Amino acid sequence: MYVGALELDVLLGDVHSLKQKRGLVRPVVAELRRRFDVAVAEVGDQDLHRRTRIGVSAVAADAGHVREVLDACERAMAGHPELELLSTRQRMLGPED
């Protein structure tokens, strides 16, 4: 079993309140969950209205599949014009860990 984690540091576009932020982040999180069948959550910077950290995790029997899914999630996030990816970080846990 392999478990992969992806952390996305995101700068939001024209957002002036936490309510606007929620209105932008929730659909993105739901889209990742629906399209890629992964666990997704806002995991940081909840009190800042223009920044967020989104965590994504996937589990599979094959490490390559986990990497493909996480890479696809990263590309999907980068494709949103209202978001700017500042940084990303992937981690993988396998049977030897």
PDB file of N, CA and C in Angstrom:
ATOM      1  N   MET A   1       0.845  -1.170   0.000  1.00  0.00           N
ATOM      2  CA  MET A   1       0.000   0.000   0.000  1.00  0.00           C
ATOM      3  C   MET A   1       0.893   1.236   0.000  1.00  0.00           C
ATOM      4  N   TYR A   2       0.535   2.193  -0.828  1.00  0.00           N
ATOM      5  CA  TYR A   2       1.243   3.465  -0.909  1.00  0.00           C
ATOM      6  C   TYR A   2       0.268   4.599  -0.610  1.00  0.00           C
ATOM      7  N   VAL A   3       0.736   5.544   0.174  1.00  0.00           N
ATOM      8  CA  VAL A   3      -0.058   6.718   0.526  1.00  0.00           C
ATOM      9  C   VAL A   3       0.718   7.947   0.076  1.00  0.00           C
ATOM     10  N   GLY A   4       0.072   8.782  -0.708  1.00  0.00           N
ATOM     11  CA  GLY A   4       0.701  10.002  -1.182  1.00  0.00           C
ATOM     12  C   GLY A   4      -0.027  11.214  -0.638  1.00  0.00           C
ATOM     13  N   ALA A   5       0.731  12.249  -0.336  1.00  0.00           N
ATOM     14  CA  ALA A   5       0.163  13.502   0.153  1.00  0.00           C
ATOM     15  C   ALA A   5       0.696  14.641  -0.692  1.00  0.00           C
ATOM     16  N   LEU A   6      -0.180  15.555  -1.027  1.00  0.00           N
ATOM     17  CA  LEU A   6       0.167  16.737  -1.807  1.00  0.00           C
ATOM     18  C   LEU A   6      -0.300  17.956  -1.027  1.00  0.00           C
ATOM     19  N   GLU A   7       0.606  18.897  -0.798  1.00  0.00           N
ATOM     20  CA  GLU A   7       0.248  20.142  -0.130  1.00  0.00           C
ATOM     21  C   GLU A   7       0.417  21.275  -1.132  1.00  0.00           C
ATOM     22  N   LEU A   8      -0.646  22.052  -1.302  1.00  0.00           N
ATOM     23  CA  LEU A   8      -0.671  23.153  -2.260  1.00  0.00           C
ATOM     24  C   LEU A   8      -0.787  24.471  -1.515  1.00  0.00           C
ATOM     25  N   ASP A   9       0.165  25.353  -1.730  1.00  0.00           N
ATOM     26  CA  ASP A   9       0.111  26.707  -1.158  1.00  0.00           C
ATOM     27  C   ASP A   9      -0.448  27.604  -2.255  1.00  0.00           C
ATOM     28  N   VAL A  10      -1.614  28.208  -1.995  1.00  0.00           N
ATOM     29  CA  VAL A  10      -2.362  28.890  -3.040  1.00  0.00           C
ATOM     30  C   VAL A  10      -2.609  30.346  -2.676  1.00  0.00           C
ATOM     31  N   LEU A  11      -2.413  31.222  -3.651  1.00  0.00           N
ATOM     32  CA  LEU A  11      -2.782  32.631  -3.538  1.00  0.00           C
ATOM     33  C   LEU A  11      -4.074  32.802  -4.325  1.00  0.00           C
ATOM     34  N   LEU A  12      -5.080  33.366  -3.667  1.00  0.00           N
ATOM     35  CA  LEU A  12      -6.379  33.557  -4.299  1.00  0.00           C
ATOM     36  C   LEU A  12      -6.421  34.913  -4.985  1.00  0.00           C
ATOM     37  N   GLY A  13      -7.223  35.014  -6.024  1.00  0.00           N
ATOM     38  CA  GLY A  13      -7.321  36.242  -6.802  1.00  0.00           C
ATOM     39  C   GLY A  13      -8.040  37.357  -6.061  1.00  0.00           C
ATOM     40  N   ASP A  14      -9.075  37.888  -6.647  1.00  0.00           N
ATOM     41  CA  ASP A  14      -9.798  39.054  -6.152  1.00  0.00           C
ATOM     42  C   ASP A  14     -10.740  38.659  -5.013  1.00  0.00           C
ATOM     43  N   VAL A  15     -10.178  38.444  -3.832  1.00  0.00           N
ATOM     44  CA  VAL A  15     -10.938  38.023  -2.656  1.00  0.00           C
ATOM     45  C   VAL A  15     -10.714  39.052  -1.558  1.00  0.00           C
ATOM     46  N   HIS A  16     -11.812  39.544  -0.973  1.00  0.00           N
ATOM     47  CA  HIS A  16     -11.702  40.600   0.037  1.00  0.00           C
ATOM     48  C   HIS A  16     -12.284  40.221   1.392  1.00  0.00           C
ATOM     49  N   SER A  17     -12.757  38.978   1.529  1.00  0.00           N
ATOM     50  CA  SER A  17     -13.313  38.548   2.812  1.00  0.00           C
ATOM     51  C   SER A  17     -13.183  37.033   2.934  1.00  0.00           C
ATOM     52  N   LEU A  18     -13.318  36.539   4.150  1.00  0.00           N
ATOM     53  CA  LEU A  18     -13.271  35.088   4.367  1.00  0.00           C
ATOM     54  C   LEU A  18     -14.474  34.405   3.734  1.00  0.00           C
ATOM     55  N   LYS A  19     -15.604  35.112   3.657  1.00  0.00           N
ATOM     56  CA  LYS A  19     -16.794  34.545   3.018  1.00  0.00           C
ATOM     57  C   LYS A  19     -16.548  34.343   1.516  1.00  0.00           C
ATOM     58  N   GLN A  20     -15.929  35.310   0.865  1.00  0.00           N
ATOM     59  CA  GLN A  20     -15.578  35.151  -0.552  1.00  0.00           C
ATOM     60  C   GLN A  20     -14.574  34.024  -0.732  1.00  0.00           C
ATOM     61  N   LYS A  21     -13.648  33.919   0.203  1.00  0.00           N
ATOM     62  CA  LYS A  21     -12.649  32.853   0.140  1.00  0.00           C
ATOM     63  C   LYS A  21     -13.328  31.489   0.192  1.00  0.00           C
ATOM     64  N   ARG A  22     -14.245  31.300   1.131  1.00  0.00           N
ATOM     65  CA  ARG A  22     -14.966  30.028   1.235  1.00  0.00           C
ATOM     66  C   ARG A  22     -15.713  29.720  -0.060  1.00  0.00           C
ATOM     67  N   GLY A  23     -16.309  30.768  -0.659  1.00  0.00           N
ATOM     68  CA  GLY A  23     -17.038  30.575  -1.905  1.00  0.00           C
ATOM     69  C   GLY A  23     -16.152  30.157  -3.059  1.00  0.00           C
ATOM     70  N   LEU A  24     -14.886  30.437  -2.984  1.00  0.00           N
ATOM     71  CA  LEU A  24     -13.930  30.047  -4.020  1.00  0.00           C
ATOM     72  C   LEU A  24     -13.278  28.698  -3.713  1.00  0.00           C
ATOM     73  N   VAL A  25     -12.931  28.475  -2.447  1.00  0.00           N
ATOM     74  CA  VAL A  25     -12.190  27.265  -2.071  1.00  0.00           C
ATOM     75  C   VAL A  25     -13.089  26.029  -2.056  1.00  0.00           C
ATOM     76  N   ARG A  26     -14.292  26.135  -1.543  1.00  0.00           N
ATOM     77  CA  ARG A  26     -15.170  24.955  -1.449  1.00  0.00           C
ATOM     78  C   ARG A  26     -15.429  24.280  -2.793  1.00  0.00           C
ATOM     79  N   PRO A  27     -15.760  25.022  -3.853  1.00  0.00           N
ATOM     80  CA  PRO A  27     -15.969  24.342  -5.138  1.00  0.00           C
ATOM     81  C   PRO A  27     -14.705  23.677  -5.685  1.00  0.00           C
ATOM     82  N   VAL A  28     -13.558  24.280  -5.447  1.00  0.00           N
ATOM     83  CA  VAL A  28     -12.293  23.689  -5.919  1.00  0.00           C
ATOM     84  C   VAL A  28     -12.029  22.383  -5.181  1.00  0.00           C
ATOM     85  N   VAL A  29     -12.221  22.379  -3.873  1.00  0.00           N
ATOM     86  CA  VAL A  29     -12.030  21.170  -3.066  1.00  0.00           C
ATOM     87  C   VAL A  29     -13.006  20.085  -3.517  1.00  0.00           C
ATOM     88  N   ALA A  30     -14.265  20.465  -3.739  1.00  0.00           N
ATOM     89  CA  ALA A  30     -15.271  19.494  -4.183  1.00  0.00           C
ATOM     90  C   ALA A  30     -14.934  18.932  -5.564  1.00  0.00           C
ATOM     91  N   GLU A  31     -14.406  19.776  -6.445  1.00  0.00           N
ATOM     92  CA  GLU A  31     -14.030  19.318  -7.785  1.00  0.00           C
ATOM     93  C   GLU A  31     -12.905  18.286  -7.717  1.00  0.00           C
ATOM     94  N   LEU A  32     -11.877  18.561  -6.917  1.00  0.00           N
ATOM     95  CA  LEU A  32     -10.782  17.597  -6.778  1.00  0.00           C
ATOM     96  C   LEU A  32     -11.285  16.274  -6.221  1.00  0.00           C
ATOM     97  N   ARG A  33     -12.134  16.356  -5.219  1.00  0.00           N
ATOM     98  CA  ARG A  33     -12.680  15.142  -4.593  1.00  0.00           C
ATOM     99  C   ARG A  33     -13.475  14.329  -5.619  1.00  0.00           C
ATOM    100  N   ARG A  34     -14.299  15.009  -6.401  1.00  0.00           N
ATOM    101  CA  ARG A  34     -15.178  14.336  -7.358  1.00  0.00           C
ATOM    102  C   ARG A  34     -14.390  13.792  -8.559  1.00  0.00           C
ATOM    103  N   ARG A  35     -13.507  14.598  -9.126  1.00  0.00           N
ATOM    104  CA  ARG A  35     -12.802  14.192 -10.345  1.00  0.00           C
ATOM    105  C   ARG A  35     -11.756  13.109 -10.122  1.00  0.00           C
ATOM    106  N   PHE A  36     -11.076  13.159  -8.970  1.00  0.00           N
ATOM    107  CA  PHE A  36      -9.929  12.280  -8.770  1.00  0.00           C
ATOM    108  C   PHE A  36     -10.108  11.259  -7.649  1.00  0.00           C
ATOM    109  N   ASP A  37     -11.252  11.271  -6.976  1.00  0.00           N
ATOM    110  CA  ASP A  37     -11.538  10.322  -5.891  1.00  0.00           C
ATOM    111  C   ASP A  37     -10.425  10.322  -4.850  1.00  0.00           C
ATOM    112  N   VAL A  38     -10.093  11.512  -4.344  1.00  0.00           N
ATOM    113  CA  VAL A  38      -9.046  11.698  -3.346  1.00  0.00           C
ATOM    114  C   VAL A  38      -9.651  12.350  -2.110  1.00  0.00           C
ATOM    115  N   ALA A  39      -8.920  12.317  -1.024  1.00  0.00           N
ATOM    116  CA  ALA A  39      -9.300  13.054   0.178  1.00  0.00           C
ATOM    117  C   ALA A  39      -8.692  14.446   0.063  1.00  0.00           C
ATOM    118  N   VAL A  40      -9.508  15.475   0.285  1.00  0.00           N
ATOM    119  CA  VAL A  40      -9.061  16.859   0.124  1.00  0.00           C
ATOM    120  C   VAL A  40      -9.611  17.698   1.262  1.00  0.00           C
ATOM    121  N   ALA A  41      -8.787  18.643   1.744  1.00  0.00           N
ATOM    122  CA  ALA A  41      -9.245  19.560   2.789  1.00  0.00           C
ATOM    123  C   ALA A  41      -8.409  20.827   2.757  1.00  0.00           C
ATOM    124  N   GLU A  42      -9.006  21.908   3.226  1.00  0.00           N
ATOM    125  CA  GLU A  42      -8.251  23.132   3.458  1.00  0.00           C
ATOM    126  C   GLU A  42      -7.507  22.917   4.766  1.00  0.00           C
ATOM    127  N   VAL A  43      -6.185  22.967   4.728  1.00  0.00           N
ATOM    128  CA  VAL A  43      -5.394  22.551   5.884  1.00  0.00           C
ATOM    129  C   VAL A  43      -4.572  23.667   6.511  1.00  0.00           C
ATOM    130  N   GLY A  44      -4.660  24.876   5.974  1.00  0.00           N
ATOM    131  CA  GLY A  44      -3.871  25.956   6.553  1.00  0.00           C
ATOM    132  C   GLY A  44      -4.279  27.311   6.032  1.00  0.00           C
ATOM    133  N   ASP A  45      -3.809  28.334   6.724  1.00  0.00           N
ATOM    134  CA  ASP A  45      -4.080  29.730   6.378  1.00  0.00           C
ATOM    135  C   ASP A  45      -5.572  30.036   6.324  1.00  0.00           C
ATOM    136  N   GLN A  46      -6.361  29.401   7.195  1.00  0.00           N
ATOM    137  CA  GLN A  46      -7.802  29.628   7.189  1.00  0.00           C
ATOM    138  C   GLN A  46      -8.181  31.040   7.609  1.00  0.00           C
ATOM    139  N   ASP A  47      -7.325  31.721   8.358  1.00  0.00           N
ATOM    140  CA  ASP A  47      -7.657  33.059   8.827  1.00  0.00           C
ATOM    141  C   ASP A  47      -7.190  34.158   7.877  1.00  0.00           C
ATOM    142  N   LEU A  48      -6.510  33.809   6.789  1.00  0.00           N
ATOM    143  CA  LEU A  48      -6.070  34.783   5.787  1.00  0.00           C
ATOM    144  C   LEU A  48      -7.035  34.739   4.603  1.00  0.00           C
ATOM    145  N   HIS A  49      -7.475  35.884   4.138  1.00  0.00           N
ATOM    146  CA  HIS A  49      -8.490  35.851   3.085  1.00  0.00           C
ATOM    147  C   HIS A  49      -7.938  35.674   1.677  1.00  0.00           C
ATOM    148  N   ARG A  50      -6.654  35.860   1.443  1.00  0.00           N
ATOM    149  CA  ARG A  50      -6.112  35.678   0.090  1.00  0.00           C
ATOM    150  C   ARG A  50      -5.179  34.477  -0.048  1.00  0.00           C
ATOM    151  N   ARG A  51      -4.967  33.732   1.019  1.00  0.00           N
ATOM    152  CA  ARG A  51      -4.075  32.562   0.979  1.00  0.00           C
ATOM    153  C   ARG A  51      -4.816  31.354   1.518  1.00  0.00           C
ATOM    154  N   THR A  52      -4.423  30.197   1.042  1.00  0.00           N
ATOM    155  CA  THR A  52      -4.927  28.951   1.592  1.00  0.00           C
ATOM    156  C   THR A  52      -3.916  27.848   1.328  1.00  0.00           C
ATOM    157  N   ARG A  53      -3.991  26.831   2.124  1.00  0.00           N
ATOM    158  CA  ARG A  53      -3.223  25.602   1.899  1.00  0.00           C
ATOM    159  C   ARG A  53      -4.247  24.489   1.760  1.00  0.00           C
ATOM    160  N   ILE A  54      -4.088  23.726   0.705  1.00  0.00           N
ATOM    161  CA  ILE A  54      -5.001  22.618   0.444  1.00  0.00           C
ATOM    162  C   ILE A  54      -4.189  21.335   0.474  1.00  0.00           C
ATOM    163  N   GLY A  55      -4.683  20.367   1.220  1.00  0.00           N
ATOM    164  CA  GLY A  55      -4.034  19.068   1.317  1.00  0.00           C
ATOM    165  C   GLY A  55      -4.833  18.032   0.552  1.00  0.00           C
ATOM    166  N   VAL A  56      -4.125  17.192  -0.192  1.00  0.00           N
ATOM    167  CA  VAL A  56      -4.732  16.129  -0.994  1.00  0.00           C
ATOM    168  C   VAL A  56      -4.014  14.834  -0.650  1.00  0.00           C
ATOM    169  N   SER A  57      -4.770  13.757  -0.481  1.00  0.00           N
ATOM    170  CA  SER A  57      -4.110  12.470  -0.253  1.00  0.00           C
ATOM    171  C   SER A  57      -4.782  11.379  -1.082  1.00  0.00           C
ATOM    172  N   ALA A  58      -3.970  10.397  -1.462  1.00  0.00           N
ATOM    173  CA  ALA A  58      -4.443   9.270  -2.267  1.00  0.00           C
ATOM    174  C   ALA A  58      -3.774   7.996  -1.775  1.00  0.00           C
ATOM    175  N   VAL A  59      -4.493   6.900  -1.904  1.00  0.00           N
ATOM    176  CA  VAL A  59      -3.989   5.586  -1.496  1.00  0.00           C
ATOM    177  C   VAL A  59      -4.177   4.620  -2.660  1.00  0.00           C
ATOM    178  N   ALA A  60      -3.149   3.811  -2.942  1.00  0.00           N
ATOM    179  CA  ALA A  60      -3.245   2.802  -4.003  1.00  0.00           C
ATOM    180  C   ALA A  60      -2.212   1.713  -3.750  1.00  0.00           C
ATOM    181  N   ALA A  61      -2.350   0.642  -4.488  1.00  0.00           N
ATOM    182  CA  ALA A  61      -1.403  -0.463  -4.375  1.00  0.00           C
ATOM    183  C   ALA A  61      -0.107  -0.182  -5.122  1.00  0.00           C
ATOM    184  N   ASP A  62      -0.132   0.787  -6.029  1.00  0.00           N
ATOM    185  CA  ASP A  62       1.010   1.091  -6.883  1.00  0.00           C
ATOM    186  C   ASP A  62       1.453   2.535  -6.664  1.00  0.00           C
ATOM    187  N   ALA A  63       2.727   2.747  -6.386  1.00  0.00           N
ATOM    188  CA  ALA A  63       3.250   4.094  -6.139  1.00  0.00           C
ATOM    189  C   ALA A  63       3.106   4.979  -7.376  1.00  0.00           C
ATOM    190  N   GLY A  64       3.280   4.414  -8.555  1.00  0.00           N
ATOM    191  CA  GLY A  64       3.154   5.185  -9.783  1.00  0.00           C
ATOM    192  C   GLY A  64       1.758   5.753  -9.957  1.00  0.00           C
ATOM    193  N   HIS A  65       0.760   4.963  -9.600  1.00  0.00           N
ATOM    194  CA  HIS A  65      -0.624   5.441  -9.716  1.00  0.00           C
ATOM    195  C   HIS A  65      -0.873   6.605  -8.755  1.00  0.00           C
ATOM    196  N   VAL A  66      -0.364   6.504  -7.550  1.00  0.00           N
ATOM    197  CA  VAL A  66      -0.529   7.579  -6.578  1.00  0.00           C
ATOM    198  C   VAL A  66       0.107   8.858  -7.102  1.00  0.00           C
ATOM    199  N   ARG A  67       1.307   8.764  -7.639  1.00  0.00           N
ATOM    200  CA  ARG A  67       1.986   9.945  -8.195  1.00  0.00           C
ATOM    201  C   ARG A  67       1.206  10.547  -9.355  1.00  0.00           C
ATOM    202  N   GLU A  68       0.654   9.695 -10.237  1.00  0.00           N
ATOM    203  CA  GLU A  68      -0.138  10.181 -11.367  1.00  0.00           C
ATOM    204  C   GLU A  68      -1.361  10.958 -10.889  1.00  0.00           C
ATOM    205  N   VAL A  69      -2.039  10.432  -9.890  1.00  0.00           N
ATOM    206  CA  VAL A  69      -3.239  11.090  -9.368  1.00  0.00           C
ATOM    207  C   VAL A  69      -2.877  12.437  -8.745  1.00  0.00           C
ATOM    208  N   LEU A  70      -1.821  12.469  -7.941  1.00  0.00           N
ATOM    209  CA  LEU A  70      -1.425  13.722  -7.306  1.00  0.00           C
ATOM    210  C   LEU A  70      -0.939  14.737  -8.327  1.00  0.00           C
ATOM    211  N   ASP A  71      -0.224  14.291  -9.354  1.00  0.00           N
ATOM    212  CA  ASP A  71       0.204  15.201 -10.424  1.00  0.00           C
ATOM    213  C   ASP A  71      -1.001  15.760 -11.167  1.00  0.00           C
ATOM    214  N   ALA A  72      -2.005  14.933 -11.410  1.00  0.00           N
ATOM    215  CA  ALA A  72      -3.224  15.397 -12.085  1.00  0.00           C
ATOM    216  C   ALA A  72      -3.961  16.421 -11.227  1.00  0.00           C
ATOM    217  N   CYS A  73      -3.986  16.215  -9.922  1.00  0.00           N
ATOM    218  CA  CYS A  73      -4.611  17.186  -9.016  1.00  0.00           C
ATOM    219  C   CYS A  73      -3.865  18.518  -9.066  1.00  0.00           C
ATOM    220  N   GLU A  74      -2.557  18.454  -9.091  1.00  0.00           N
ATOM    221  CA  GLU A  74      -1.748  19.673  -9.168  1.00  0.00           C
ATOM    222  C   GLU A  74      -2.014  20.422 -10.471  1.00  0.00           C
ATOM    223  N   ARG A  75      -2.073  19.694 -11.590  1.00  0.00           N
ATOM    224  CA  ARG A  75      -2.359  20.335 -12.874  1.00  0.00           C
ATOM    225  C   ARG A  75      -3.757  20.948 -12.889  1.00  0.00           C
ATOM    226  N   ALA A  76      -4.723  20.270 -12.279  1.00  0.00           N
ATOM    227  CA  ALA A  76      -6.090  20.796 -12.225  1.00  0.00           C
ATOM    228  C   ALA A  76      -6.131  22.097 -11.443  1.00  0.00           C
ATOM    229  N   MET A  77      -5.399  22.153 -10.345  1.00  0.00           N
ATOM    230  CA  MET A  77      -5.353  23.393  -9.547  1.00  0.00           C
ATOM    231  C   MET A  77      -4.669  24.501 -10.327  1.00  0.00           C
ATOM    232  N   ALA A  78      -3.609  24.185 -11.036  1.00  0.00           N
ATOM    233  CA  ALA A  78      -2.889  25.190 -11.813  1.00  0.00           C
ATOM    234  C   ALA A  78      -3.745  25.725 -12.960  1.00  0.00           C
ATOM    235  N   GLY A  79      -4.736  24.957 -13.388  1.00  0.00           N
ATOM    236  CA  GLY A  79      -5.603  25.360 -14.481  1.00  0.00           C
ATOM    237  C   GLY A  79      -6.678  26.352 -14.103  1.00  0.00           C
ATOM    238  N   HIS A  80      -6.844  26.620 -12.831  1.00  0.00           N
ATOM    239  CA  HIS A  80      -7.851  27.587 -12.389  1.00  0.00           C
ATOM    240  C   HIS A  80      -7.279  28.996 -12.498  1.00  0.00           C
ATOM    241  N   PRO A  81      -7.887  29.868 -13.319  1.00  0.00           N
ATOM    242  CA  PRO A  81      -7.335  31.212 -13.503  1.00  0.00           C
ATOM    243  C   PRO A  81      -7.443  32.099 -12.265  1.00  0.00           C
ATOM    244  N   GLU A  82      -8.372  31.798 -11.372  1.00  0.00           N
ATOM    245  CA  GLU A  82      -8.544  32.622 -10.172  1.00  0.00           C
ATOM    246  C   GLU A  82      -7.590  32.237  -9.046  1.00  0.00           C
ATOM    247  N   LEU A  83      -6.784  31.200  -9.268  1.00  0.00           N
ATOM    248  CA  LEU A  83      -5.829  30.716  -8.273  1.00  0.00           C
ATOM    249  C   LEU A  83      -4.405  30.819  -8.811  1.00  0.00           C
ATOM    250  N   GLU A  84      -3.474  31.060  -7.916  1.00  0.00           N
ATOM    251  CA  GLU A  84      -2.054  31.024  -8.288  1.00  0.00           C
ATOM    252  C   GLU A  84      -1.342  30.078  -7.331  1.00  0.00           C
ATOM    253  N   LEU A  85      -0.758  29.029  -7.871  1.00  0.00           N
ATOM    254  CA  LEU A  85       0.004  28.087  -7.041  1.00  0.00           C
ATOM    255  C   LEU A  85       1.345  28.713  -6.694  1.00  0.00           C
ATOM    256  N   LEU A  86       1.585  28.917  -5.410  1.00  0.00           N
ATOM    257  CA  LEU A  86       2.857  29.470  -4.970  1.00  0.00           C
ATOM    258  C   LEU A  86       3.900  28.377  -4.787  1.00  0.00           C
ATOM    259  N   SER A  87       3.458  27.244  -4.240  1.00  0.00           N
ATOM    260  CA  SER A  87       4.363  26.111  -4.082  1.00  0.00           C
ATOM    261  C   SER A  87       3.551  24.843  -3.898  1.00  0.00           C
ATOM    262  N   THR A  88       4.193  23.724  -4.173  1.00  0.00           N
ATOM    263  CA  THR A  88       3.579  22.417  -3.955  1.00  0.00           C
ATOM    264  C   THR A  88       4.626  21.497  -3.336  1.00  0.00           C
ATOM    265  N   ARG A  89       4.145  20.511  -2.607  1.00  0.00           N
ATOM    266  CA  ARG A  89       5.060  19.529  -2.012  1.00  0.00           C
ATOM    267  C   ARG A  89       4.367  18.187  -1.980  1.00  0.00           C
ATOM    268  N   GLN A  90       5.035  17.168  -2.496  1.00  0.00           N
ATOM    269  CA  GLN A  90       4.512  15.808  -2.484  1.00  0.00           C
ATOM    270  C   GLN A  90       5.342  14.943  -1.551  1.00  0.00           C
ATOM    271  N   ARG A  91       4.647  14.059  -0.857  1.00  0.00           N
ATOM    272  CA  ARG A  91       5.309  13.060   0.001  1.00  0.00           C
ATOM    273  C   ARG A  91       4.672  11.713  -0.259  1.00  0.00           C
ATOM    274  N   MET A  92       5.486  10.663  -0.102  1.00  0.00           N
ATOM    275  CA  MET A  92       4.997   9.320  -0.353  1.00  0.00           C
ATOM    276  C   MET A  92       5.429   8.405   0.793  1.00  0.00           C
ATOM    277  N   LEU A  93       4.488   7.595   1.235  1.00  0.00           N
ATOM    278  CA  LEU A  93       4.774   6.548   2.218  1.00  0.00           C
ATOM    279  C   LEU A  93       4.492   5.215   1.580  1.00  0.00           C
ATOM    280  N   GLY A  94       5.398   4.272   1.779  1.00  0.00           N
ATOM    281  CA  GLY A  94       5.245   2.950   1.195  1.00  0.00           C
ATOM    282  C   GLY A  94       5.364   1.858   2.234  1.00  0.00           C
ATOM    283  N   PRO A  95       5.370   0.619   1.806  1.00  0.00           N
ATOM    284  CA  PRO A  95       5.427  -0.517   2.726  1.00  0.00           C
ATOM    285  C   PRO A  95       6.697  -0.541   3.579  1.00  0.00           C
ATOM    286  N   GLU A  96       7.765   0.033   3.093  1.00  0.00           N
ATOM    287  CA  GLU A  96       9.031   0.015   3.842  1.00  0.00           C
ATOM    288  C   GLU A  96       9.109   1.111   4.890  1.00  0.00           C
ATOM    289  N   ASP A  97       8.151   2.034   4.918  1.00  0.00           N
ATOM    290  CA  ASP A  97       8.182   3.155   5.875  1.00  0.00           C
ATOM    291  C   ASP A  97       7.592   2.762   7.217  1.00  0.00           C
TER     292      ASP A  97
END
